[in-house]
């Protein structure tokens, strides 16, 4: 008897339904054999059927590669295992109605028809999953607003005129620092490729499903100042705080007076607790202190600078770029 409605499907139900269908199919086949076949062919068929049904299913991680085309059976194909993966995909796709209907239909379907349907649905669900992932990545890239949208980790140039720590770079492009809510500083002279590498890291983050935002520090400060005048300050601050990664280019390129230093503190305080940040700067972290709240007497300390740097310095990766020539010239000569 079929069950009418299911809110969720236990994988054990899939195995039980599949084994029941297989057993009934094997029983029908042996009942239809002639007496002369009972001593030969029917025994062989029964033995192979029993061995196939009793063989334990190997665990199959999700997601799986696309099923190749053609009607030939796949090596190691198991209806119950593939059904579990299809049900998992349908759950991720929020297709609960199709998920419940699939379980009901497979219970009332012969083994051969079930195997053909499962293969078809496997291809369809994989295609839909890939399409949605591609659309999501495209939207993440668009929302990130990268200055160099074509930048990617695979195209980062390594040559004799450029020095950097590849282990730190690999850590950044793997996006493990985002998962651990850490920050990064990419430091180097003009033309060393700071912006490109930061955009490449952001591209890697979008590929992994992280939300990003690229912004120049002067533009960020202007945006926050304008939002105070329009009454949208809390909304703008919340929008930045919801991002997984924020890339701030031209970090402290010019010294900040007291008013802009307060704005910067608001930004860093809101984002450092919920987001990872990348700072692209020509100045070493040791020089950042004196470039914040720059109007104070040189001998005085700055509580604003202390508050800002304390939130980002102690848990940041630092990638130093040393280049004997401008990367803009390098790429121009290469064309």
C-alpha atoms as a PDB file:
ATOM      1  CA  UNK A   1       0.000   0.000   0.000  1.00  0.00           C
ATOM      2  CA  UNK A   2       1.401   3.384  -0.974  1.00  0.00           C
ATOM      3  CA  UNK A   3       1.801   6.179   1.516  1.00  0.00           C
ATOM      4  CA  UNK A   4      -0.045   9.340   0.540  1.00  0.00           C
ATOM      5  CA  UNK A   5       2.230  12.150   1.735  1.00  0.00           C
ATOM      6  CA  UNK A   6       5.755  12.458   3.100  1.00  0.00           C
ATOM      7  CA  UNK A   7       7.365  15.481   4.663  1.00  0.00           C
ATOM      8  CA  UNK A   8      10.747  13.740   4.606  1.00  0.00           C
ATOM      9  CA  UNK A   9      12.165  10.537   3.268  1.00  0.00           C
ATOM     10  CA  UNK A  10      14.359   8.159   5.302  1.00  0.00           C
ATOM     11  CA  UNK A  11      17.127   6.682   3.121  1.00  0.00           C
ATOM     12  CA  UNK A  12      16.350   3.268   4.686  1.00  0.00           C
ATOM     13  CA  UNK A  13      12.904   3.410   3.058  1.00  0.00           C
ATOM     14  CA  UNK A  14      14.605   3.766  -0.321  1.00  0.00           C
ATOM     15  CA  UNK A  15      16.749   0.661   0.245  1.00  0.00           C
ATOM     16  CA  UNK A  16      13.733  -1.344   1.475  1.00  0.00           C
ATOM     17  CA  UNK A  17      11.606  -0.346  -1.504  1.00  0.00           C
ATOM     18  CA  UNK A  18      14.403  -1.136  -3.975  1.00  0.00           C
ATOM     19  CA  UNK A  19      15.121  -4.559  -2.439  1.00  0.00           C
ATOM     20  CA  UNK A  20      11.395  -5.449  -2.355  1.00  0.00           C
ATOM     21  CA  UNK A  21      11.028  -4.566  -6.050  1.00  0.00           C
ATOM     22  CA  UNK A  22      14.130  -6.568  -6.986  1.00  0.00           C
ATOM     23  CA  UNK A  23      12.986  -9.615  -5.030  1.00  0.00           C
ATOM     24  CA  UNK A  24       9.531  -9.627  -6.668  1.00  0.00           C
ATOM     25  CA  UNK A  25      11.148  -9.312 -10.098  1.00  0.00           C
ATOM     26  CA  UNK A  26      13.477 -12.258  -9.485  1.00  0.00           C
ATOM     27  CA  UNK A  27      10.578 -14.389  -8.174  1.00  0.00           C
ATOM     28  CA  UNK A  28       8.499 -13.728 -11.304  1.00  0.00           C
ATOM     29  CA  UNK A  29      11.397 -14.655 -13.585  1.00  0.00           C
ATOM     30  CA  UNK A  30      11.971 -18.068 -11.900  1.00  0.00           C
ATOM     31  CA  UNK A  31       8.228 -18.897 -11.943  1.00  0.00           C
ATOM     32  CA  UNK A  32       8.054 -18.422 -15.734  1.00  0.00           C
ATOM     33  CA  UNK A  33      10.930 -20.795 -16.609  1.00  0.00           C
ATOM     34  CA  UNK A  34      10.182 -24.171 -18.232  1.00  0.00           C
ATOM     35  CA  UNK A  35      10.966 -27.521 -16.467  1.00  0.00           C
ATOM     36  CA  UNK A  36      13.928 -28.117 -18.788  1.00  0.00           C
ATOM     37  CA  UNK A  37      15.485 -24.808 -17.697  1.00  0.00           C
ATOM     38  CA  UNK A  38      15.056 -25.464 -13.967  1.00  0.00           C
ATOM     39  CA  UNK A  39      18.206 -27.577 -13.764  1.00  0.00           C
ATOM     40  CA  UNK A  40      20.398 -25.135 -15.655  1.00  0.00           C
ATOM     41  CA  UNK A  41      19.577 -21.628 -16.681  1.00  0.00           C
ATOM     42  CA  UNK A  42      17.141 -20.876 -13.888  1.00  0.00           C
ATOM     43  CA  UNK A  43      19.673 -21.842 -11.204  1.00  0.00           C
ATOM     44  CA  UNK A  44      22.321 -19.657 -12.713  1.00  0.00           C
ATOM     45  CA  UNK A  45      19.918 -16.755 -13.009  1.00  0.00           C
ATOM     46  CA  UNK A  46      18.670 -17.204  -9.473  1.00  0.00           C
ATOM     47  CA  UNK A  47      22.192 -17.359  -8.072  1.00  0.00           C
ATOM     48  CA  UNK A  48      23.330 -14.220  -9.850  1.00  0.00           C
ATOM     49  CA  UNK A  49      20.166 -12.399  -8.807  1.00  0.00           C
ATOM     50  CA  UNK A  50      20.652 -13.358  -5.185  1.00  0.00           C
ATOM     51  CA  UNK A  51      24.295 -12.265  -5.242  1.00  0.00           C
ATOM     52  CA  UNK A  52      23.407  -8.922  -6.808  1.00  0.00           C
ATOM     53  CA  UNK A  53      20.659  -8.135  -4.287  1.00  0.00           C
ATOM     54  CA  UNK A  54      22.687  -9.178  -1.262  1.00  0.00           C
ATOM     55  CA  UNK A  55      25.799  -7.217  -2.237  1.00  0.00           C
ATOM     56  CA  UNK A  56      26.192  -4.194   0.109  1.00  0.00           C
ATOM     57  CA  UNK A  57      26.028  -0.767  -1.515  1.00  0.00           C
ATOM     58  CA  UNK A  58      29.270   1.240  -1.505  1.00  0.00           C
ATOM     59  CA  UNK A  59      28.855   4.694   0.012  1.00  0.00           C
ATOM     60  CA  UNK A  60      28.643   7.414  -2.656  1.00  0.00           C
ATOM     61  CA  UNK A  61      29.480  11.000  -1.591  1.00  0.00           C
ATOM     62  CA  UNK A  62      27.290  13.881  -2.827  1.00  0.00           C
ATOM     63  CA  UNK A  63      27.559  15.585  -5.270  1.00  0.00           C
ATOM     64  CA  UNK A  64      28.493  13.045  -7.929  1.00  0.00           C
ATOM     65  CA  UNK A  65      29.872  13.666 -11.438  1.00  0.00           C
ATOM     66  CA  UNK A  66      27.340  13.888 -14.270  1.00  0.00           C
ATOM     67  CA  UNK A  67      26.139  10.530 -15.526  1.00  0.00           C
ATOM     68  CA  UNK A  68      27.462   9.881 -19.067  1.00  0.00           C
ATOM     69  CA  UNK A  69      24.951   9.545 -21.886  1.00  0.00           C
ATOM     70  CA  UNK A  70      23.802   6.326 -23.495  1.00  0.00           C
ATOM     71  CA  UNK A  71      21.529   3.491 -22.423  1.00  0.00           C
ATOM     72  CA  UNK A  72      24.259   1.073 -21.363  1.00  0.00           C
ATOM     73  CA  UNK A  73      24.308   0.365 -17.596  1.00  0.00           C
ATOM     74  CA  UNK A  74      26.884   2.332 -15.646  1.00  0.00           C
ATOM     75  CA  UNK A  75      29.742   0.490 -13.920  1.00  0.00           C
ATOM     76  CA  UNK A  76      28.859   0.035 -10.271  1.00  0.00           C
ATOM     77  CA  UNK A  77      25.426   1.657 -10.763  1.00  0.00           C
ATOM     78  CA  UNK A  78      23.102   1.061  -7.817  1.00  0.00           C
ATOM     79  CA  UNK A  79      19.505   2.244  -7.951  1.00  0.00           C
ATOM     80  CA  UNK A  80      19.130   2.799  -4.213  1.00  0.00           C
ATOM     81  CA  UNK A  81      22.422   4.716  -3.896  1.00  0.00           C
ATOM     82  CA  UNK A  82      21.625   6.956  -6.840  1.00  0.00           C
ATOM     83  CA  UNK A  83      18.116   7.500  -5.502  1.00  0.00           C
ATOM     84  CA  UNK A  84      19.577   8.768  -2.232  1.00  0.00           C
ATOM     85  CA  UNK A  85      21.692  11.266  -4.148  1.00  0.00           C
ATOM     86  CA  UNK A  86      18.713  12.395  -6.220  1.00  0.00           C
ATOM     87  CA  UNK A  87      16.630  12.901  -3.081  1.00  0.00           C
ATOM     88  CA  UNK A  88      19.467  14.907  -1.526  1.00  0.00           C
ATOM     89  CA  UNK A  89      19.690  17.123  -4.625  1.00  0.00           C
ATOM     90  CA  UNK A  90      15.920  17.649  -4.694  1.00  0.00           C
ATOM     91  CA  UNK A  91      16.057  18.664  -1.036  1.00  0.00           C
ATOM     92  CA  UNK A  92      18.859  21.171  -1.767  1.00  0.00           C
ATOM     93  CA  UNK A  93      16.841  22.485  -4.707  1.00  0.00           C
ATOM     94  CA  UNK A  94      13.784  22.904  -2.443  1.00  0.00           C
ATOM     95  CA  UNK A  95      11.692  20.571  -4.622  1.00  0.00           C
ATOM     96  CA  UNK A  96       9.873  18.742  -1.828  1.00  0.00           C
ATOM     97  CA  UNK A  97       6.846  17.906  -3.973  1.00  0.00           C
ATOM     98  CA  UNK A  98       8.949  16.197  -6.624  1.00  0.00           C
ATOM     99  CA  UNK A  99      10.966  14.458  -3.898  1.00  0.00           C
ATOM    100  CA  UNK A 100       7.875  12.903  -2.293  1.00  0.00           C
ATOM    101  CA  UNK A 101       6.352  11.978  -5.661  1.00  0.00           C
ATOM    102  CA  UNK A 102       9.571  10.226  -6.706  1.00  0.00           C
ATOM    103  CA  UNK A 103       9.485   7.974  -3.635  1.00  0.00           C
ATOM    104  CA  UNK A 104       5.863   7.000  -4.259  1.00  0.00           C
ATOM    105  CA  UNK A 105       6.470   6.260  -7.937  1.00  0.00           C
ATOM    106  CA  UNK A 106       9.557   4.126  -7.321  1.00  0.00           C
ATOM    107  CA  UNK A 107       7.626   1.942  -4.867  1.00  0.00           C
ATOM    108  CA  UNK A 108       5.062   1.125  -7.568  1.00  0.00           C
ATOM    109  CA  UNK A 109       7.544   0.712 -10.455  1.00  0.00           C
ATOM    110  CA  UNK A 110       9.282  -2.409 -11.757  1.00  0.00           C
ATOM    111  CA  UNK A 111      13.062  -2.651 -11.205  1.00  0.00           C
ATOM    112  CA  UNK A 112      13.927  -2.070 -14.885  1.00  0.00           C
ATOM    113  CA  UNK A 113      11.671   0.966 -15.162  1.00  0.00           C
ATOM    114  CA  UNK A 114      12.975   2.306 -11.844  1.00  0.00           C
ATOM    115  CA  UNK A 115      16.591   2.002 -12.992  1.00  0.00           C
ATOM    116  CA  UNK A 116      15.857   3.873 -16.240  1.00  0.00           C
ATOM    117  CA  UNK A 117      13.941   6.591 -14.396  1.00  0.00           C
ATOM    118  CA  UNK A 118      16.679   7.022 -11.799  1.00  0.00           C
ATOM    119  CA  UNK A 119      19.360   7.431 -14.494  1.00  0.00           C
ATOM    120  CA  UNK A 120      17.268  10.073 -16.261  1.00  0.00           C
ATOM    121  CA  UNK A 121      16.447  11.946 -13.067  1.00  0.00           C
ATOM    122  CA  UNK A 122      20.111  11.844 -12.068  1.00  0.00           C
ATOM    123  CA  UNK A 123      21.097  13.700 -15.242  1.00  0.00           C
ATOM    124  CA  UNK A 124      18.236  16.177 -14.846  1.00  0.00           C
ATOM    125  CA  UNK A 125      18.920  17.021 -11.190  1.00  0.00           C
ATOM    126  CA  UNK A 126      22.659  17.386 -11.817  1.00  0.00           C
ATOM    127  CA  UNK A 127      21.963  19.763 -14.715  1.00  0.00           C
ATOM    128  CA  UNK A 128      19.591  21.852 -12.579  1.00  0.00           C
ATOM    129  CA  UNK A 129      22.057  21.939  -9.674  1.00  0.00           C
ATOM    130  CA  UNK A 130      24.894  23.048 -11.960  1.00  0.00           C
ATOM    131  CA  UNK A 131      22.720  25.715 -13.609  1.00  0.00           C
ATOM    132  CA  UNK A 132      21.673  27.213 -10.285  1.00  0.00           C
ATOM    133  CA  UNK A 133      25.259  27.173  -9.017  1.00  0.00           C
ATOM    134  CA  UNK A 134      26.409  28.941 -12.179  1.00  0.00           C
ATOM    135  CA  UNK A 135      23.709  31.615 -11.844  1.00  0.00           C
ATOM    136  CA  UNK A 136      24.519  32.150  -8.179  1.00  0.00           C
ATOM    137  CA  UNK A 137      28.225  32.562  -8.936  1.00  0.00           C
ATOM    138  CA  UNK A 138      27.455  35.072 -11.695  1.00  0.00           C
ATOM    139  CA  UNK A 139      25.280  37.074  -9.293  1.00  0.00           C
ATOM    140  CA  UNK A 140      27.954  36.993  -6.587  1.00  0.00           C
ATOM    141  CA  UNK A 141      30.542  38.269  -9.065  1.00  0.00           C
ATOM    142  CA  UNK A 142      28.234  41.061 -10.226  1.00  0.00           C
ATOM    143  CA  UNK A 143      27.394  42.131  -6.665  1.00  0.00           C
ATOM    144  CA  UNK A 144      31.093  42.100  -5.707  1.00  0.00           C
ATOM    145  CA  UNK A 145      31.822  44.992  -8.088  1.00  0.00           C
ATOM    146  CA  UNK A 146      35.420  43.935  -8.620  1.00  0.00           C
ATOM    147  CA  UNK A 147      37.689  46.509 -10.226  1.00  0.00           C
ATOM    148  CA  UNK A 148      39.233  43.678 -12.282  1.00  0.00           C
ATOM    149  CA  UNK A 149      36.407  41.158 -12.884  1.00  0.00           C
ATOM    150  CA  UNK A 150      38.645  38.953 -15.045  1.00  0.00           C
ATOM    151  CA  UNK A 151      41.183  38.425 -12.243  1.00  0.00           C
ATOM    152  CA  UNK A 152      41.470  34.821 -11.100  1.00  0.00           C
ATOM    153  CA  UNK A 153      43.999  32.784  -9.087  1.00  0.00           C
ATOM    154  CA  UNK A 154      45.073  30.785 -12.140  1.00  0.00           C
ATOM    155  CA  UNK A 155      46.335  33.910 -13.926  1.00  0.00           C
ATOM    156  CA  UNK A 156      48.468  35.353 -11.128  1.00  0.00           C
ATOM    157  CA  UNK A 157      51.896  35.923 -12.659  1.00  0.00           C
ATOM    158  CA  UNK A 158      55.035  34.471 -11.097  1.00  0.00           C
ATOM    159  CA  UNK A 159      58.284  35.660 -12.647  1.00  0.00           C
ATOM    160  CA  UNK A 160      61.871  36.427 -11.724  1.00  0.00           C
ATOM    161  CA  UNK A 161      61.123  40.128 -11.197  1.00  0.00           C
ATOM    162  CA  UNK A 162      58.352  39.482  -8.677  1.00  0.00           C
ATOM    163  CA  UNK A 163      58.680  38.043  -5.192  1.00  0.00           C
ATOM    164  CA  UNK A 164      55.887  36.879  -2.881  1.00  0.00           C
ATOM    165  CA  UNK A 165      55.220  34.149  -0.344  1.00  0.00           C
ATOM    166  CA  UNK A 166      53.378  31.449  -2.276  1.00  0.00           C
ATOM    167  CA  UNK A 167      52.224  29.686   0.882  1.00  0.00           C
ATOM    168  CA  UNK A 168      50.445  32.805   2.108  1.00  0.00           C
ATOM    169  CA  UNK A 169      48.988  33.368  -1.363  1.00  0.00           C
ATOM    170  CA  UNK A 170      47.720  29.768  -1.444  1.00  0.00           C
ATOM    171  CA  UNK A 171      46.121  30.291   1.959  1.00  0.00           C
ATOM    172  CA  UNK A 172      44.306  33.361   0.664  1.00  0.00           C
ATOM    173  CA  UNK A 173      43.085  31.802  -2.588  1.00  0.00           C
ATOM    174  CA  UNK A 174      41.866  28.732  -0.689  1.00  0.00           C
ATOM    175  CA  UNK A 175      39.600  31.121   1.273  1.00  0.00           C
ATOM    176  CA  UNK A 176      40.346  29.357   4.562  1.00  0.00           C
ATOM    177  CA  UNK A 177      40.872  32.771   6.178  1.00  0.00           C
ATOM    178  CA  UNK A 178      37.269  33.673   5.339  1.00  0.00           C
ATOM    179  CA  UNK A 179      35.986  30.528   7.017  1.00  0.00           C
ATOM    180  CA  UNK A 180      38.037  31.397  10.108  1.00  0.00           C
ATOM    181  CA  UNK A 181      36.958  35.071  10.037  1.00  0.00           C
ATOM    182  CA  UNK A 182      40.499  36.372   9.681  1.00  0.00           C
ATOM    183  CA  UNK A 183      41.768  39.329   7.656  1.00  0.00           C
ATOM    184  CA  UNK A 184      44.582  39.921   5.184  1.00  0.00           C
ATOM    185  CA  UNK A 185      46.848  42.779   4.171  1.00  0.00           C
ATOM    186  CA  UNK A 186      48.347  42.853   0.673  1.00  0.00           C
ATOM    187  CA  UNK A 187      51.270  45.280   0.704  1.00  0.00           C
ATOM    188  CA  UNK A 188      53.493  46.591  -2.065  1.00  0.00           C
ATOM    189  CA  UNK A 189      54.538  49.578  -4.100  1.00  0.00           C
ATOM    190  CA  UNK A 190      52.515  51.075  -6.913  1.00  0.00           C
ATOM    191  CA  UNK A 191      52.210  48.639  -9.811  1.00  0.00           C
ATOM    192  CA  UNK A 192      53.111  45.548  -7.774  1.00  0.00           C
ATOM    193  CA  UNK A 193      49.738  43.949  -8.491  1.00  0.00           C
ATOM    194  CA  UNK A 194      47.962  44.352  -5.142  1.00  0.00           C
ATOM    195  CA  UNK A 195      44.565  45.077  -6.647  1.00  0.00           C
ATOM    196  CA  UNK A 196      44.771  42.196  -9.107  1.00  0.00           C
ATOM    197  CA  UNK A 197      45.629  39.652  -6.418  1.00  0.00           C
ATOM    198  CA  UNK A 198      42.893  40.981  -4.132  1.00  0.00           C
ATOM    199  CA  UNK A 199      40.356  40.653  -6.965  1.00  0.00           C
ATOM    200  CA  UNK A 200      41.641  37.137  -7.718  1.00  0.00           C
ATOM    201  CA  UNK A 201      41.084  36.155  -4.089  1.00  0.00           C
ATOM    202  CA  UNK A 202      37.573  37.628  -4.250  1.00  0.00           C
ATOM    203  CA  UNK A 203      36.888  35.626  -7.416  1.00  0.00           C
ATOM    204  CA  UNK A 204      37.980  32.455  -5.614  1.00  0.00           C
ATOM    205  CA  UNK A 205      35.631  33.388  -2.760  1.00  0.00           C
ATOM    206  CA  UNK A 206      32.687  33.864  -5.142  1.00  0.00           C
ATOM    207  CA  UNK A 207      33.393  30.440  -6.655  1.00  0.00           C
ATOM    208  CA  UNK A 208      33.031  28.964  -3.176  1.00  0.00           C
ATOM    209  CA  UNK A 209      29.743  30.757  -2.583  1.00  0.00           C
ATOM    210  CA  UNK A 210      30.985  33.628  -0.418  1.00  0.00           C
ATOM    211  CA  UNK A 211      29.507  37.092  -0.859  1.00  0.00           C
ATOM    212  CA  UNK A 212      32.085  39.817  -1.535  1.00  0.00           C
ATOM    213  CA  UNK A 213      32.360  43.557  -1.999  1.00  0.00           C
ATOM    214  CA  UNK A 214      35.228  45.533  -3.528  1.00  0.00           C
ATOM    215  CA  UNK A 215      35.538  49.215  -2.653  1.00  0.00           C
ATOM    216  CA  UNK A 216      38.192  51.942  -2.546  1.00  0.00           C
ATOM    217  CA  UNK A 217      38.613  53.493   0.889  1.00  0.00           C
ATOM    218  CA  UNK A 218      37.879  57.057  -0.374  1.00  0.00           C
ATOM    219  CA  UNK A 219      34.627  55.829  -1.944  1.00  0.00           C
ATOM    220  CA  UNK A 220      33.722  53.898   1.208  1.00  0.00           C
ATOM    221  CA  UNK A 221      34.172  56.936   3.411  1.00  0.00           C
ATOM    222  CA  UNK A 222      32.132  59.075   1.028  1.00  0.00           C
ATOM    223  CA  UNK A 223      29.367  56.472   0.997  1.00  0.00           C
ATOM    224  CA  UNK A 224      29.160  56.404   4.791  1.00  0.00           C
ATOM    225  CA  UNK A 225      29.227  60.201   5.055  1.00  0.00           C
ATOM    226  CA  UNK A 226      26.470  60.563   2.466  1.00  0.00           C
ATOM    227  CA  UNK A 227      24.360  57.875   4.136  1.00  0.00           C
ATOM    228  CA  UNK A 228      24.365  59.881   7.366  1.00  0.00           C
ATOM    229  CA  UNK A 229      22.923  62.854   5.502  1.00  0.00           C
ATOM    230  CA  UNK A 230      20.182  60.754   3.893  1.00  0.00           C
ATOM    231  CA  UNK A 231      19.358  58.759   7.015  1.00  0.00           C
ATOM    232  CA  UNK A 232      20.518  55.448   5.496  1.00  0.00           C
ATOM    233  CA  UNK A 233      23.608  55.003   7.643  1.00  0.00           C
ATOM    234  CA  UNK A 234      22.401  51.913   9.543  1.00  0.00           C
ATOM    235  CA  UNK A 235      21.209  50.287   6.312  1.00  0.00           C
ATOM    236  CA  UNK A 236      24.524  50.858   4.527  1.00  0.00           C
ATOM    237  CA  UNK A 237      26.511  49.621   7.497  1.00  0.00           C
ATOM    238  CA  UNK A 238      24.363  46.483   7.733  1.00  0.00           C
ATOM    239  CA  UNK A 239      24.807  45.783   4.021  1.00  0.00           C
ATOM    240  CA  UNK A 240      28.578  45.756   4.418  1.00  0.00           C
ATOM    241  CA  UNK A 241      28.455  43.725   7.622  1.00  0.00           C
ATOM    242  CA  UNK A 242      26.481  40.974   5.852  1.00  0.00           C
ATOM    243  CA  UNK A 243      29.250  40.376   3.298  1.00  0.00           C
ATOM    244  CA  UNK A 244      31.598  37.453   3.837  1.00  0.00           C
ATOM    245  CA  UNK A 245      34.572  39.310   2.355  1.00  0.00           C
ATOM    246  CA  UNK A 246      35.252  43.029   1.926  1.00  0.00           C
ATOM    247  CA  UNK A 247      38.210  44.171  -0.173  1.00  0.00           C
ATOM    248  CA  UNK A 248      39.330  47.720   0.669  1.00  0.00           C
ATOM    249  CA  UNK A 249      41.718  49.131  -1.920  1.00  0.00           C
ATOM    250  CA  UNK A 250      43.897  52.229  -1.466  1.00  0.00           C
ATOM    251  CA  UNK A 251      43.908  51.622   2.275  1.00  0.00           C
ATOM    252  CA  UNK A 252      45.189  54.757   4.075  1.00  0.00           C
ATOM    253  CA  UNK A 253      46.659  56.106   0.851  1.00  0.00           C
ATOM    254  CA  UNK A 254      46.173  59.550   2.346  1.00  0.00           C
ATOM    255  CA  UNK A 255      46.128  60.479   6.079  1.00  0.00           C
ATOM    256  CA  UNK A 256      42.642  60.670   7.596  1.00  0.00           C
ATOM    257  CA  UNK A 257      41.464  63.602   9.735  1.00  0.00           C
ATOM    258  CA  UNK A 258      39.481  63.048  12.905  1.00  0.00           C
ATOM    259  CA  UNK A 259      36.017  63.007  11.246  1.00  0.00           C
ATOM    260  CA  UNK A 260      36.935  60.404   8.651  1.00  0.00           C
ATOM    261  CA  UNK A 261      38.775  58.382  11.293  1.00  0.00           C
ATOM    262  CA  UNK A 262      35.533  58.123  13.257  1.00  0.00           C
ATOM    263  CA  UNK A 263      33.736  56.954  10.110  1.00  0.00           C
ATOM    264  CA  UNK A 264      36.439  54.361   9.512  1.00  0.00           C
ATOM    265  CA  UNK A 265      36.060  53.099  13.078  1.00  0.00           C
ATOM    266  CA  UNK A 266      32.335  52.592  12.484  1.00  0.00           C
ATOM    267  CA  UNK A 267      33.089  50.592   9.342  1.00  0.00           C
ATOM    268  CA  UNK A 268      35.774  48.418  10.883  1.00  0.00           C
ATOM    269  CA  UNK A 269      33.785  47.801  14.061  1.00  0.00           C
ATOM    270  CA  UNK A 270      30.724  46.661  12.101  1.00  0.00           C
ATOM    271  CA  UNK A 271      32.580  44.456   9.632  1.00  0.00           C
ATOM    272  CA  UNK A 272      35.465  42.964  11.608  1.00  0.00           C
ATOM    273  CA  UNK A 273      33.133  40.857  13.759  1.00  0.00           C
ATOM    274  CA  UNK A 274      31.086  39.320  10.929  1.00  0.00           C
ATOM    275  CA  UNK A 275      33.262  39.577   7.810  1.00  0.00           C
ATOM    276  CA  UNK A 276      36.786  39.021   6.606  1.00  0.00           C
ATOM    277  CA  UNK A 277      38.599  41.986   5.089  1.00  0.00           C
ATOM    278  CA  UNK A 278      41.502  42.477   2.697  1.00  0.00           C
ATOM    279  CA  UNK A 279      43.444  45.732   2.919  1.00  0.00           C
ATOM    280  CA  UNK A 280      45.537  46.776  -0.093  1.00  0.00           C
ATOM    281  CA  UNK A 281      48.113  49.343   0.926  1.00  0.00           C
ATOM    282  CA  UNK A 282      51.438  50.857  -0.029  1.00  0.00           C
ATOM    283  CA  UNK A 283      52.297  51.348   3.629  1.00  0.00           C
ATOM    284  CA  UNK A 284      53.418  48.821   6.231  1.00  0.00           C
ATOM    285  CA  UNK A 285      51.097  48.207   9.210  1.00  0.00           C
ATOM    286  CA  UNK A 286      53.642  49.978  11.427  1.00  0.00           C
ATOM    287  CA  UNK A 287      52.911  53.184   9.470  1.00  0.00           C
ATOM    288  CA  UNK A 288      49.125  52.907   9.663  1.00  0.00           C
ATOM    289  CA  UNK A 289      48.902  54.312  13.176  1.00  0.00           C
ATOM    290  CA  UNK A 290      50.193  57.772  12.309  1.00  0.00           C
ATOM    291  CA  UNK A 291      47.961  57.983   9.200  1.00  0.00           C
ATOM    292  CA  UNK A 292      44.779  57.704  11.300  1.00  0.00           C
ATOM    293  CA  UNK A 293      43.630  60.828  13.168  1.00  0.00           C
ATOM    294  CA  UNK A 294      46.458  62.665  11.459  1.00  0.00           C
ATOM    295  CA  UNK A 295      45.639  66.148  12.856  1.00  0.00           C
ATOM    296  CA  UNK A 296      46.647  65.249  16.401  1.00  0.00           C
ATOM    297  CA  UNK A 297      50.063  66.342  17.743  1.00  0.00           C
ATOM    298  CA  UNK A 298      52.716  63.830  16.750  1.00  0.00           C
ATOM    299  CA  UNK A 299      53.644  63.117  20.360  1.00  0.00           C
ATOM    300  CA  UNK A 300      50.040  62.277  21.321  1.00  0.00           C
ATOM    301  CA  UNK A 301      48.497  58.846  21.116  1.00  0.00           C
ATOM    302  CA  UNK A 302      45.220  58.255  19.305  1.00  0.00           C
ATOM    303  CA  UNK A 303      42.470  56.187  20.880  1.00  0.00           C
ATOM    304  CA  UNK A 304      40.725  56.019  17.486  1.00  0.00           C
ATOM    305  CA  UNK A 305      43.795  54.575  15.776  1.00  0.00           C
ATOM    306  CA  UNK A 306      44.243  52.119  18.646  1.00  0.00           C
ATOM    307  CA  UNK A 307      40.630  50.978  18.345  1.00  0.00           C
ATOM    308  CA  UNK A 308      40.815  50.507  14.558  1.00  0.00           C
ATOM    309  CA  UNK A 309      44.124  48.671  14.407  1.00  0.00           C
ATOM    310  CA  UNK A 310      43.372  46.483  17.421  1.00  0.00           C
ATOM    311  CA  UNK A 311      40.430  45.002  15.506  1.00  0.00           C
ATOM    312  CA  UNK A 312      42.401  44.032  12.394  1.00  0.00           C
ATOM    313  CA  UNK A 313      46.113  43.677  13.097  1.00  0.00           C
ATOM    314  CA  UNK A 314      46.224  40.724  15.469  1.00  0.00           C
ATOM    315  CA  UNK A 315      44.459  38.172  13.248  1.00  0.00           C
ATOM    316  CA  UNK A 316      45.634  39.146   9.763  1.00  0.00           C
ATOM    317  CA  UNK A 317      47.722  37.421   7.135  1.00  0.00           C
ATOM    318  CA  UNK A 318      50.286  39.723   5.503  1.00  0.00           C
ATOM    319  CA  UNK A 319      51.298  39.188   1.873  1.00  0.00           C
ATOM    320  CA  UNK A 320      54.276  41.286   0.778  1.00  0.00           C
ATOM    321  CA  UNK A 321      54.738  41.950  -2.938  1.00  0.00           C
ATOM    322  CA  UNK A 322      58.161  42.943  -4.202  1.00  0.00           C
ATOM    323  CA  UNK A 323      58.452  43.693  -7.892  1.00  0.00           C
ATOM    324  CA  UNK A 324      61.332  45.201  -9.833  1.00  0.00           C
ATOM    325  CA  UNK A 325      58.983  46.508 -12.503  1.00  0.00           C
ATOM    326  CA  UNK A 326      55.376  47.601 -12.698  1.00  0.00           C
ATOM    327  CA  UNK A 327      52.979  44.743 -13.412  1.00  0.00           C
ATOM    328  CA  UNK A 328      51.064  47.116 -15.674  1.00  0.00           C
ATOM    329  CA  UNK A 329      54.214  47.462 -17.789  1.00  0.00           C
ATOM    330  CA  UNK A 330      54.746  43.691 -17.621  1.00  0.00           C
ATOM    331  CA  UNK A 331      51.303  42.958 -19.031  1.00  0.00           C
ATOM    332  CA  UNK A 332      51.541  45.783 -21.573  1.00  0.00           C
ATOM    333  CA  UNK A 333      54.819  44.375 -22.930  1.00  0.00           C
ATOM    334  CA  UNK A 334      53.316  40.863 -23.012  1.00  0.00           C
ATOM    335  CA  UNK A 335      50.509  41.941 -25.347  1.00  0.00           C
END
